[in-house]
């Protein structure tokens, strides 16, 4: 039997059901890998005892021919998902010592289906970042390295712990969240598959909020089939989330391998941005040819509002963040400053100590654009432009079934390279934010390597709640690209 950590999630699921190995064997193998991968800093909390207990319970079910769709499968959980009685930090000092008394809907559904929790994964603080460098617990390091270099690279953000742990085989798959690209951009930078579902497809209940009208949870996995399996368990209506949509969850795995012949693939000219590396343009052209060879019709489309997407996002998201993060004041949970004289100074000192620089920056921006003198000029105008972006996509999807673009404007860059230039950092989301603003499903599929041997991804966008067609296209891209590169294991 192969090393359990070499198996994809689907392969591990099938091997467990066939009794070719036990969940405890797989769990122990992953825990050993995690212990040896401290240099990656992918985990904030490892729940070894809990994982082994869950694995033993799964083995008992599997021995009787019972168990759920993910029975015994080892997962990593982004530390933005509340997990009952397990430290949940959102990558922030302000949530020190927070052990929720409840379980997020997404994780409760994964445990319902038999999954095993290995631990909580590192992330940018409150999911605010594109490089996983804003975490109070330190940056995550990408398992990939450029050819001939020992420089530490970003795994992307905010779901950097998720993308790094999947790429380094520290778990079979991971949960992640995407507010402006935080699943798809890290997937692109680590050679993994990332899926942001339609807004409302997956419950947000029990996920620490960043920007409530943009946040959406999804999977980060090794291949497209694993993403389909994970999303099936993660998705579904939840009465506790008022934005959750009540509609059936398809069997996404069943759509894989279905013909894409006749699908119309839109190629937006506005995604050819100034300064984009020629390698990404070449890869995009390869993706177009792959879809054409699979029988798809390529349609040139125009999305002129795209140029306003980043400015709109960096008004709407901080505005919502400033409101959501008002609850962290040191009163009921998390960190509280020791030095204060009255309740106001307790609030001020707690928030000053508890939040990092990037979170403070976004709270200040959000408070500014919501203030009385600027609300109409910034926030209201941004919401109007957001509606026009949505309308533009609606018109485009009247002509096409899927839209194909690059996932990120570059391969993984060195840690520290963009930390002093917020605008350069924000540009990492240039291809991804539109899907969040319009509530569309989007996915990144690894499709090639750049000149330095680092992975690059291609993005597919689909109509709302048409993840099935998106998965068909993703699978076709994956098969055509034949991406099988792996990072050298320098961290062991």
Protein backbone atom coordinates (compact mmCIF):
# COMPACT_ATOMS: atom_id res chain seq x y z
CA UNK A 1 0.00 0.00 0.00
CA UNK A 2 1.25 3.49 -0.90
CA UNK A 3 2.00 6.03 1.79
CA UNK A 4 -1.46 7.28 2.88
CA UNK A 5 -0.36 10.90 2.48
CA UNK A 6 0.35 10.31 -1.22
CA UNK A 7 -3.30 9.46 -1.86
CA UNK A 8 -5.76 12.07 -3.04
CA UNK A 9 -8.85 12.56 -0.90
CA UNK A 10 -10.94 10.42 -3.28
CA UNK A 11 -8.29 7.69 -3.32
CA UNK A 12 -8.05 7.73 0.48
CA UNK A 13 -11.84 7.59 0.78
CA UNK A 14 -11.98 4.57 -1.52
CA UNK A 15 -9.03 2.82 0.18
CA UNK A 16 -10.65 3.23 3.58
CA UNK A 17 -13.93 1.80 2.35
CA UNK A 18 -12.07 -1.12 0.76
CA UNK A 19 -10.28 -1.67 4.12
CA UNK A 20 -6.88 -1.39 2.43
CA UNK A 21 -5.76 0.78 5.37
CA UNK A 22 -7.28 2.28 8.49
CA UNK A 23 -8.18 5.86 9.26
CA UNK A 24 -5.86 5.74 12.27
CA UNK A 25 -2.93 4.74 10.01
CA UNK A 26 -3.70 7.62 7.66
CA UNK A 27 -4.17 10.06 10.54
CA UNK A 28 -0.88 9.05 12.18
CA UNK A 29 0.91 9.42 8.85
CA UNK A 30 -0.44 12.95 8.42
CA UNK A 31 0.36 13.92 12.01
CA UNK A 32 3.96 12.76 11.46
CA UNK A 33 4.17 14.91 8.31
CA UNK A 34 2.80 17.92 10.20
CA UNK A 35 5.35 17.44 12.98
CA UNK A 36 8.16 17.45 10.39
CA UNK A 37 6.86 20.53 8.57
CA UNK A 38 7.33 23.20 11.22
CA UNK A 39 9.32 25.29 8.72
CA UNK A 40 6.13 25.85 6.72
CA UNK A 41 4.20 27.24 9.73
CA UNK A 42 0.95 26.02 8.14
CA UNK A 43 -0.82 25.00 11.37
CA UNK A 44 -1.72 27.22 14.32
CA UNK A 45 -3.19 24.37 16.39
CA UNK A 46 -2.69 20.62 15.87
CA UNK A 47 -5.47 18.51 17.42
CA UNK A 48 -3.64 15.17 17.51
CA UNK A 49 -5.62 13.53 20.32
CA UNK A 50 -8.94 14.60 18.86
CA UNK A 51 -7.87 13.39 15.41
CA UNK A 52 -6.86 9.94 16.67
CA UNK A 53 -10.10 9.57 18.63
CA UNK A 54 -12.13 10.49 15.53
CA UNK A 55 -10.07 8.11 13.39
CA UNK A 56 -10.71 5.21 15.78
CA UNK A 57 -14.44 5.97 15.72
CA UNK A 58 -14.36 6.03 11.91
CA UNK A 59 -12.51 2.71 11.79
CA UNK A 60 -15.21 1.14 13.94
CA UNK A 61 -17.88 2.35 11.50
CA UNK A 62 -15.91 1.29 8.43
CA UNK A 63 -15.35 -2.19 9.93
CA UNK A 64 -19.13 -2.60 9.99
CA UNK A 65 -19.52 -1.34 6.42
CA UNK A 66 -20.96 1.91 7.67
CA UNK A 67 -19.81 5.51 7.54
CA UNK A 68 -20.37 8.75 5.66
CA UNK A 69 -19.00 10.03 2.34
CA UNK A 70 -15.80 11.31 4.03
CA UNK A 71 -15.50 8.64 6.71
CA UNK A 72 -11.98 8.60 8.16
CA UNK A 73 -10.55 11.22 5.78
CA UNK A 74 -8.02 13.63 7.37
CA UNK A 75 -8.69 17.35 6.85
CA UNK A 76 -7.14 20.67 7.84
CA UNK A 77 -9.48 23.51 8.85
CA UNK A 78 -8.73 27.17 8.20
CA UNK A 79 -8.66 28.88 11.59
CA UNK A 80 -11.54 31.14 10.56
CA UNK A 81 -14.05 28.31 11.12
CA UNK A 82 -15.26 28.03 14.71
CA UNK A 83 -14.63 24.56 16.10
CA UNK A 84 -16.24 23.57 19.38
CA UNK A 85 -13.86 23.75 22.37
CA UNK A 86 -10.88 24.09 20.02
CA UNK A 87 -8.87 27.31 19.90
CA UNK A 88 -10.12 29.55 17.07
CA UNK A 89 -7.97 32.63 16.41
CA UNK A 90 -8.68 34.03 12.91
CA UNK A 91 -4.90 34.57 12.91
CA UNK A 92 -5.34 37.44 15.38
CA UNK A 93 -3.98 38.30 18.83
CA UNK A 94 -7.39 39.69 19.75
CA UNK A 95 -8.90 36.18 19.79
CA UNK A 96 -6.30 34.75 22.17
CA UNK A 97 -7.83 31.98 24.26
CA UNK A 98 -11.12 31.85 22.33
CA UNK A 99 -12.59 28.34 22.51
CA UNK A 100 -16.05 28.46 20.89
CA UNK A 101 -18.94 26.60 22.51
CA UNK A 102 -20.33 25.80 19.09
CA UNK A 103 -19.32 24.34 15.71
CA UNK A 104 -19.53 26.17 12.38
CA UNK A 105 -22.09 24.73 9.99
CA UNK A 106 -19.43 23.78 7.43
CA UNK A 107 -17.27 21.85 9.89
CA UNK A 108 -20.31 20.21 11.53
CA UNK A 109 -21.30 18.89 8.09
CA UNK A 110 -17.79 17.58 7.45
CA UNK A 111 -17.81 15.77 10.83
CA UNK A 112 -21.33 14.51 10.05
CA UNK A 113 -19.90 12.93 6.90
CA UNK A 114 -17.08 11.28 8.89
CA UNK A 115 -14.10 13.57 8.31
CA UNK A 116 -11.22 13.74 10.82
CA UNK A 117 -9.89 17.13 12.01
CA UNK A 118 -6.08 17.30 12.09
CA UNK A 119 -6.03 20.89 13.32
CA UNK A 120 -6.49 24.58 12.54
CA UNK A 121 -4.60 26.22 9.70
CA UNK A 122 -2.76 29.53 9.63
CA UNK A 123 -4.17 32.50 7.69
CA UNK A 124 -3.86 36.22 7.20
CA UNK A 125 -5.35 38.01 10.22
CA UNK A 126 -9.15 38.02 9.86
CA UNK A 127 -8.52 36.81 6.27
CA UNK A 128 -7.18 40.26 5.34
CA UNK A 129 -4.19 39.70 3.07
CA UNK A 130 -2.89 38.11 -0.11
CA UNK A 131 0.36 36.60 1.15
CA UNK A 132 -0.34 35.12 4.62
CA UNK A 133 2.07 37.61 6.19
CA UNK A 134 -0.43 39.49 8.38
CA UNK A 135 -1.03 36.53 10.73
CA UNK A 136 -0.20 37.13 14.40
CA UNK A 137 1.28 33.61 14.29
CA UNK A 138 3.81 34.47 11.60
CA UNK A 139 3.87 33.95 7.84
CA UNK A 140 3.17 30.62 6.17
CA UNK A 141 5.92 29.47 3.80
CA UNK A 142 5.09 28.07 0.37
CA UNK A 143 6.39 24.49 -0.04
CA UNK A 144 7.43 25.47 -3.58
CA UNK A 145 10.79 27.11 -4.24
CA UNK A 146 12.08 28.78 -7.37
CA UNK A 147 14.68 26.78 -9.30
CA UNK A 148 18.11 27.21 -7.73
CA UNK A 149 16.85 29.41 -4.89
CA UNK A 150 16.30 28.96 -1.16
CA UNK A 151 14.20 32.14 -0.85
CA UNK A 152 10.99 31.73 1.12
CA UNK A 153 7.92 32.35 -1.01
CA UNK A 154 4.33 33.25 -0.16
CA UNK A 155 1.68 30.51 -0.44
CA UNK A 156 -0.87 33.23 -1.23
CA UNK A 157 -3.53 34.53 1.10
CA UNK A 158 -5.58 34.67 3.05
CA UNK A 159 -5.88 30.85 2.96
CA UNK A 160 -2.12 30.32 2.92
CA UNK A 161 -2.11 27.63 5.61
CA UNK A 162 -4.74 25.74 3.64
CA UNK A 163 -2.92 25.96 0.30
CA UNK A 164 0.51 25.15 1.78
CA UNK A 165 -0.76 22.18 3.80
CA UNK A 166 -2.52 20.67 0.77
CA UNK A 167 0.51 21.24 -1.51
CA UNK A 168 2.87 19.75 1.10
CA UNK A 169 0.55 16.77 1.75
CA UNK A 170 -0.03 17.66 5.40
CA UNK A 171 -3.74 16.85 4.99
CA UNK A 172 -5.95 15.22 2.37
CA UNK A 173 -7.79 18.52 1.77
CA UNK A 174 -8.57 21.76 3.58
CA UNK A 175 -11.36 24.23 4.11
CA UNK A 176 -10.77 27.82 3.06
CA UNK A 177 -12.63 31.09 2.56
CA UNK A 178 -12.70 33.57 -0.30
CA UNK A 179 -13.66 37.24 0.14
CA UNK A 180 -11.74 38.67 -2.82
CA UNK A 181 -9.73 35.69 -4.07
CA UNK A 182 -8.46 34.05 -0.89
CA UNK A 183 -9.11 30.52 -2.18
CA UNK A 184 -8.25 30.91 -5.85
CA UNK A 185 -5.08 33.02 -5.57
CA UNK A 186 -3.38 30.70 -3.02
CA UNK A 187 -4.43 27.70 -5.12
CA UNK A 188 -2.73 29.28 -8.14
CA UNK A 189 0.48 29.98 -6.18
CA UNK A 190 0.77 26.43 -4.77
CA UNK A 191 -0.32 24.21 -7.68
CA UNK A 192 -3.57 23.20 -5.97
CA UNK A 193 -7.27 23.38 -6.88
CA UNK A 194 -9.40 26.04 -5.19
CA UNK A 195 -13.16 26.52 -5.52
CA UNK A 196 -15.18 29.57 -4.44
CA UNK A 197 -18.84 28.55 -4.69
CA UNK A 198 -21.75 30.86 -5.49
CA UNK A 199 -22.54 33.27 -2.66
CA UNK A 200 -25.18 31.52 -0.56
CA UNK A 201 -24.25 27.98 -1.63
CA UNK A 202 -22.24 27.33 1.57
CA UNK A 203 -23.31 28.50 5.01
CA UNK A 204 -21.28 31.29 6.60
CA UNK A 205 -22.62 30.53 10.09
CA UNK A 206 -19.80 30.02 12.57
CA UNK A 207 -17.15 31.46 10.23
CA UNK A 208 -15.45 34.56 11.65
CA UNK A 209 -16.76 37.40 9.47
CA UNK A 210 -14.60 39.71 7.36
CA UNK A 211 -17.00 41.20 4.78
CA UNK A 212 -20.39 39.54 5.05
CA UNK A 213 -21.67 40.24 1.53
CA UNK A 214 -18.46 38.86 -0.03
CA UNK A 215 -17.27 35.99 2.22
CA UNK A 216 -17.80 32.46 0.95
CA UNK A 217 -16.30 29.18 2.11
CA UNK A 218 -14.95 26.52 -0.22
CA UNK A 219 -12.38 23.71 -0.55
CA UNK A 220 -8.67 23.68 -1.35
CA UNK A 221 -7.62 20.29 -2.72
CA UNK A 222 -5.02 18.40 -4.76
CA UNK A 223 -7.24 17.81 -7.78
CA UNK A 224 -10.65 18.63 -9.24
CA UNK A 225 -12.33 15.39 -8.09
CA UNK A 226 -11.34 16.08 -4.48
CA UNK A 227 -12.82 19.59 -4.74
CA UNK A 228 -16.09 18.13 -6.01
CA UNK A 229 -16.22 15.65 -3.11
CA UNK A 230 -15.46 18.34 -0.52
CA UNK A 231 -17.97 20.86 -1.86
CA UNK A 232 -20.75 18.26 -1.78
CA UNK A 233 -20.25 17.94 1.99
CA UNK A 234 -19.66 21.64 2.66
CA UNK A 235 -22.65 23.00 0.72
CA UNK A 236 -26.30 23.11 1.67
CA UNK A 237 -29.05 25.30 3.07
CA UNK A 238 -28.71 26.52 6.65
CA UNK A 239 -31.54 28.27 8.48
CA UNK A 240 -28.99 29.90 10.80
CA UNK A 241 -27.54 31.87 7.84
CA UNK A 242 -30.02 34.33 6.33
CA UNK A 243 -27.94 34.52 3.12
CA UNK A 244 -27.94 30.71 2.63
CA UNK A 245 -29.93 29.69 -0.43
CA UNK A 246 -32.38 26.80 -0.18
CA UNK A 247 -31.77 24.71 -3.28
CA UNK A 248 -30.59 21.12 -3.79
CA UNK A 249 -26.85 20.36 -3.74
CA UNK A 250 -25.88 18.41 -6.88
CA UNK A 251 -23.49 15.48 -6.95
CA UNK A 252 -20.57 17.46 -8.32
CA UNK A 253 -18.37 14.40 -8.67
CA UNK A 254 -20.87 12.89 -11.12
CA UNK A 255 -20.34 15.82 -13.52
CA UNK A 256 -16.60 15.11 -13.90
CA UNK A 257 -15.66 13.63 -17.24
CA UNK A 258 -18.87 14.70 -18.93
CA UNK A 259 -18.36 16.16 -22.39
CA UNK A 260 -17.78 19.90 -22.65
CA UNK A 261 -18.41 19.84 -26.38
CA UNK A 262 -20.51 22.81 -27.41
CA UNK A 263 -19.86 24.85 -24.26
CA UNK A 264 -19.24 28.51 -25.03
CA UNK A 265 -16.14 29.83 -23.24
CA UNK A 266 -15.89 33.58 -22.81
CA UNK A 267 -12.50 35.30 -22.94
CA UNK A 268 -12.66 38.86 -21.54
CA UNK A 269 -10.26 41.28 -23.19
CA UNK A 270 -10.09 43.47 -20.07
CA UNK A 271 -8.16 40.79 -18.17
CA UNK A 272 -5.10 41.49 -20.33
CA UNK A 273 -3.62 43.97 -17.88
CA UNK A 274 -0.50 46.11 -18.21
CA UNK A 275 2.61 44.48 -16.80
CA UNK A 276 1.20 40.95 -16.78
CA UNK A 277 4.04 38.45 -17.31
CA UNK A 278 4.19 37.01 -20.82
CA UNK A 279 4.16 33.51 -19.30
CA UNK A 280 0.67 34.08 -17.90
CA UNK A 281 -0.60 35.37 -21.25
CA UNK A 282 0.93 32.28 -22.92
CA UNK A 283 -0.68 29.95 -20.38
CA UNK A 284 -4.04 31.66 -20.86
CA UNK A 285 -3.72 31.13 -24.61
CA UNK A 286 -2.90 27.46 -23.97
CA UNK A 287 -6.04 27.17 -21.87
CA UNK A 288 -8.09 28.64 -24.69
CA UNK A 289 -6.62 26.09 -27.11
CA UNK A 290 -7.24 23.21 -24.68
CA UNK A 291 -10.91 24.14 -24.36
CA UNK A 292 -11.18 24.55 -28.12
CA UNK A 293 -9.63 21.11 -28.64
CA UNK A 294 -12.20 19.67 -26.22
CA UNK A 295 -14.98 20.92 -28.48
CA UNK A 296 -15.76 24.25 -26.82
CA UNK A 297 -16.60 27.40 -28.73
CA UNK A 298 -14.38 30.36 -27.80
CA UNK A 299 -16.22 33.69 -27.59
CA UNK A 300 -14.46 37.04 -27.15
CA UNK A 301 -16.36 39.12 -24.59
CA UNK A 302 -15.98 42.52 -23.00
CA UNK A 303 -16.36 43.34 -19.30
CA UNK A 304 -15.50 47.07 -19.24
CA UNK A 305 -16.47 47.54 -15.58
CA UNK A 306 -13.62 45.21 -14.57
CA UNK A 307 -11.27 48.18 -14.12
CA UNK A 308 -13.44 49.42 -11.26
CA UNK A 309 -13.58 46.07 -9.42
CA UNK A 310 -10.55 46.57 -7.16
CA UNK A 311 -11.51 50.11 -6.07
CA UNK A 312 -15.07 48.95 -5.37
CA UNK A 313 -13.82 45.95 -3.42
CA UNK A 314 -11.46 48.06 -1.29
CA UNK A 315 -14.37 50.31 -0.33
CA UNK A 316 -17.04 47.66 0.29
CA UNK A 317 -14.85 45.08 2.06
CA UNK A 318 -13.24 47.48 4.59
CA UNK A 319 -16.63 49.10 5.24
CA UNK A 320 -18.14 45.75 6.17
CA UNK A 321 -15.01 44.78 8.10
CA UNK A 322 -15.15 47.94 10.22
CA UNK A 323 -18.69 47.01 11.20
CA UNK A 324 -17.99 43.30 11.78
CA UNK A 325 -14.84 43.87 13.82
CA UNK A 326 -16.54 46.35 16.18
CA UNK A 327 -17.51 43.33 18.32
CA UNK A 328 -13.89 42.70 19.39
CA UNK A 329 -13.60 44.95 22.42
CA UNK A 330 -12.15 42.79 25.21
CA UNK A 331 -15.46 42.48 27.07
CA UNK A 332 -16.80 38.96 26.47
CA UNK A 333 -14.05 36.91 24.82
CA UNK A 334 -10.51 36.94 23.51
CA UNK A 335 -7.70 39.31 24.45
CA UNK A 336 -8.20 42.13 26.96
CA UNK A 337 -5.57 44.80 27.64
CA UNK A 338 -4.14 44.72 31.16
CA UNK A 339 -3.46 48.47 31.29
CA UNK A 340 -6.61 50.65 31.31
CA UNK A 341 -8.37 53.12 33.59
CA UNK A 342 -11.98 53.02 32.39
CA UNK A 343 -14.12 51.17 29.87
CA UNK A 344 -13.20 53.49 26.98
CA UNK A 345 -9.46 53.04 27.55
CA UNK A 346 -10.05 49.28 27.84
CA UNK A 347 -11.69 49.28 24.40
CA UNK A 348 -8.96 51.45 22.90
CA UNK A 349 -6.00 49.61 24.42
CA UNK A 350 -7.46 46.17 23.71
CA UNK A 351 -8.06 46.95 20.04
CA UNK A 352 -4.68 48.70 19.68
CA UNK A 353 -2.89 45.65 21.11
CA UNK A 354 -5.13 43.00 19.55
CA UNK A 355 -5.30 44.04 15.90
CA UNK A 356 -2.37 44.00 13.48
CA UNK A 357 -1.43 46.84 11.12
CA UNK A 358 -3.32 45.59 8.07
CA UNK A 359 -6.53 45.02 10.04
CA UNK A 360 -6.22 48.50 11.58
CA UNK A 361 -5.69 49.97 8.12
CA UNK A 362 -8.85 48.37 6.78
CA UNK A 363 -10.93 49.32 9.83
CA UNK A 364 -9.82 52.94 9.40
CA UNK A 365 -10.59 52.92 5.66
CA UNK A 366 -13.98 51.31 6.31
CA UNK A 367 -14.89 53.75 9.05
CA UNK A 368 -13.89 56.65 6.79
CA UNK A 369 -15.99 55.58 3.79
CA UNK A 370 -19.01 55.00 6.05
CA UNK A 371 -18.71 58.36 7.80
CA UNK A 372 -21.44 60.96 7.36
CA UNK A 373 -19.55 63.24 5.01
CA UNK A 374 -18.23 60.51 2.70
CA UNK A 375 -20.88 57.75 2.68
CA UNK A 376 -22.51 58.91 -0.58
CA UNK A 377 -19.24 59.71 -2.32
CA UNK A 378 -17.60 56.37 -1.56
CA UNK A 379 -19.75 53.56 -0.16
CA UNK A 380 -23.00 54.35 -1.97
CA UNK A 381 -21.22 54.93 -5.27
CA UNK A 382 -19.25 51.69 -4.84
CA UNK A 383 -22.47 49.73 -4.32
CA UNK A 384 -23.93 51.22 -7.51
CA UNK A 385 -20.84 50.23 -9.48
CA UNK A 386 -20.98 46.76 -7.89
CA UNK A 387 -24.52 46.37 -9.28
CA UNK A 388 -23.27 47.34 -12.74
CA UNK A 389 -20.48 44.74 -12.50
CA UNK A 390 -23.13 42.13 -11.65
CA UNK A 391 -25.33 43.25 -14.57
CA UNK A 392 -22.36 43.07 -16.94
CA UNK A 393 -21.69 39.45 -15.94
CA UNK A 394 -25.39 38.64 -16.32
CA UNK A 395 -25.27 39.97 -19.89
CA UNK A 396 -22.05 38.06 -20.61
CA UNK A 397 -23.54 34.80 -19.35
CA UNK A 398 -26.37 35.27 -21.82
CA UNK A 399 -23.73 34.62 -24.50
CA UNK A 400 -21.37 32.16 -22.80
CA UNK A 401 -21.46 29.22 -20.35
CA UNK A 402 -18.09 29.78 -18.67
CA UNK A 403 -15.46 32.53 -18.55
CA UNK A 404 -11.75 31.64 -18.69
CA UNK A 405 -9.07 33.95 -17.24
CA UNK A 406 -5.74 33.71 -15.42
CA UNK A 407 -6.10 33.10 -11.65
CA UNK A 408 -3.38 35.48 -10.43
CA UNK A 409 -1.16 38.14 -12.03
CA UNK A 410 2.07 36.38 -11.03
CA UNK A 411 3.58 33.22 -9.60
CA UNK A 412 4.50 33.06 -5.91
CA UNK A 413 6.66 36.00 -4.82
CA UNK A 414 9.16 36.28 -1.97
CA UNK A 415 7.89 36.88 1.54
CA UNK A 416 8.34 40.54 2.38
CA UNK A 417 8.49 41.67 -1.25
CA UNK A 418 5.19 43.59 -1.19
CA UNK A 419 4.47 44.13 2.50
CA UNK A 420 5.50 47.81 2.38
CA UNK A 421 3.30 48.58 -0.62
CA UNK A 422 -0.37 47.85 0.10
CA UNK A 423 -1.48 48.77 -3.43
CA UNK A 424 0.91 46.26 -5.00
CA UNK A 425 -0.35 43.64 -2.55
CA UNK A 426 -3.99 44.44 -3.34
CA UNK A 427 -3.31 43.98 -7.08
CA UNK A 428 -2.88 40.24 -6.43
CA UNK A 429 -6.69 40.05 -6.39
CA UNK A 430 -7.19 41.79 -9.73
CA UNK A 431 -8.53 38.66 -11.51
CA UNK A 432 -10.56 37.30 -8.61
CA UNK A 433 -12.49 40.10 -6.88
CA UNK A 434 -15.13 40.40 -9.60
CA UNK A 435 -16.55 36.96 -8.74
CA UNK A 436 -17.04 38.01 -5.12
CA UNK A 437 -18.62 41.33 -6.03
CA UNK A 438 -21.06 39.54 -8.38
CA UNK A 439 -21.56 36.48 -6.15
CA UNK A 440 -20.39 34.10 -8.90
CA UNK A 441 -18.75 30.69 -8.53
CA UNK A 442 -15.08 30.62 -9.51
CA UNK A 443 -12.25 28.12 -9.44
CA UNK A 444 -8.51 27.93 -10.02
CA UNK A 445 -6.93 24.88 -11.67
CA UNK A 446 -3.14 24.40 -11.83
CA UNK A 447 -2.13 24.56 -15.47
CA UNK A 448 1.62 25.03 -15.81
CA UNK A 449 4.95 26.26 -14.43
CA UNK A 450 6.74 29.53 -15.00
CA UNK A 451 10.41 29.87 -16.00
CA UNK A 452 11.45 29.44 -12.35
CA UNK A 453 9.50 26.18 -11.96
CA UNK A 454 6.68 27.77 -9.94
CA UNK A 455 3.01 26.90 -10.51
CA UNK A 456 0.49 29.03 -12.38
CA UNK A 457 -3.27 28.60 -12.45
CA UNK A 458 -6.20 29.26 -14.77
CA UNK A 459 -9.56 30.49 -13.50
CA UNK A 460 -13.05 29.52 -14.61
CA UNK A 461 -16.12 31.58 -13.69
CA UNK A 462 -19.68 30.29 -14.06
CA UNK A 463 -23.26 31.45 -13.74
CA UNK A 464 -24.69 31.60 -10.21
CA UNK A 465 -25.33 28.08 -8.85
CA UNK A 466 -23.94 26.46 -12.00
CA UNK A 467 -20.98 24.82 -10.26
CA UNK A 468 -21.73 21.61 -12.17
CA UNK A 469 -20.82 23.19 -15.51
CA UNK A 470 -17.80 24.80 -13.85
CA UNK A 471 -16.62 21.40 -12.58
CA UNK A 472 -17.02 19.93 -16.09
CA UNK A 473 -14.82 22.71 -17.45
CA UNK A 474 -12.33 22.38 -14.58
CA UNK A 475 -11.95 18.67 -15.20
CA UNK A 476 -11.43 19.24 -18.93
CA UNK A 477 -8.75 21.86 -18.15
CA UNK A 478 -7.08 19.55 -15.64
CA UNK A 479 -6.96 16.66 -18.11
CA UNK A 480 -5.58 18.84 -20.90
CA UNK A 481 -2.97 20.56 -18.72
CA UNK A 482 -1.74 17.27 -17.24
CA UNK A 483 -0.22 19.18 -14.33
CA UNK A 484 1.62 16.68 -12.12
CA UNK A 485 4.54 18.75 -10.77
CA UNK A 486 5.24 18.58 -7.04
CA UNK A 487 7.43 20.71 -4.75
CA UNK A 488 10.71 19.20 -3.57
CA UNK A 489 10.40 18.26 0.10
CA UNK A 490 13.03 20.59 1.56
CA UNK A 491 11.18 21.14 4.85
CA UNK A 492 11.23 17.54 6.18
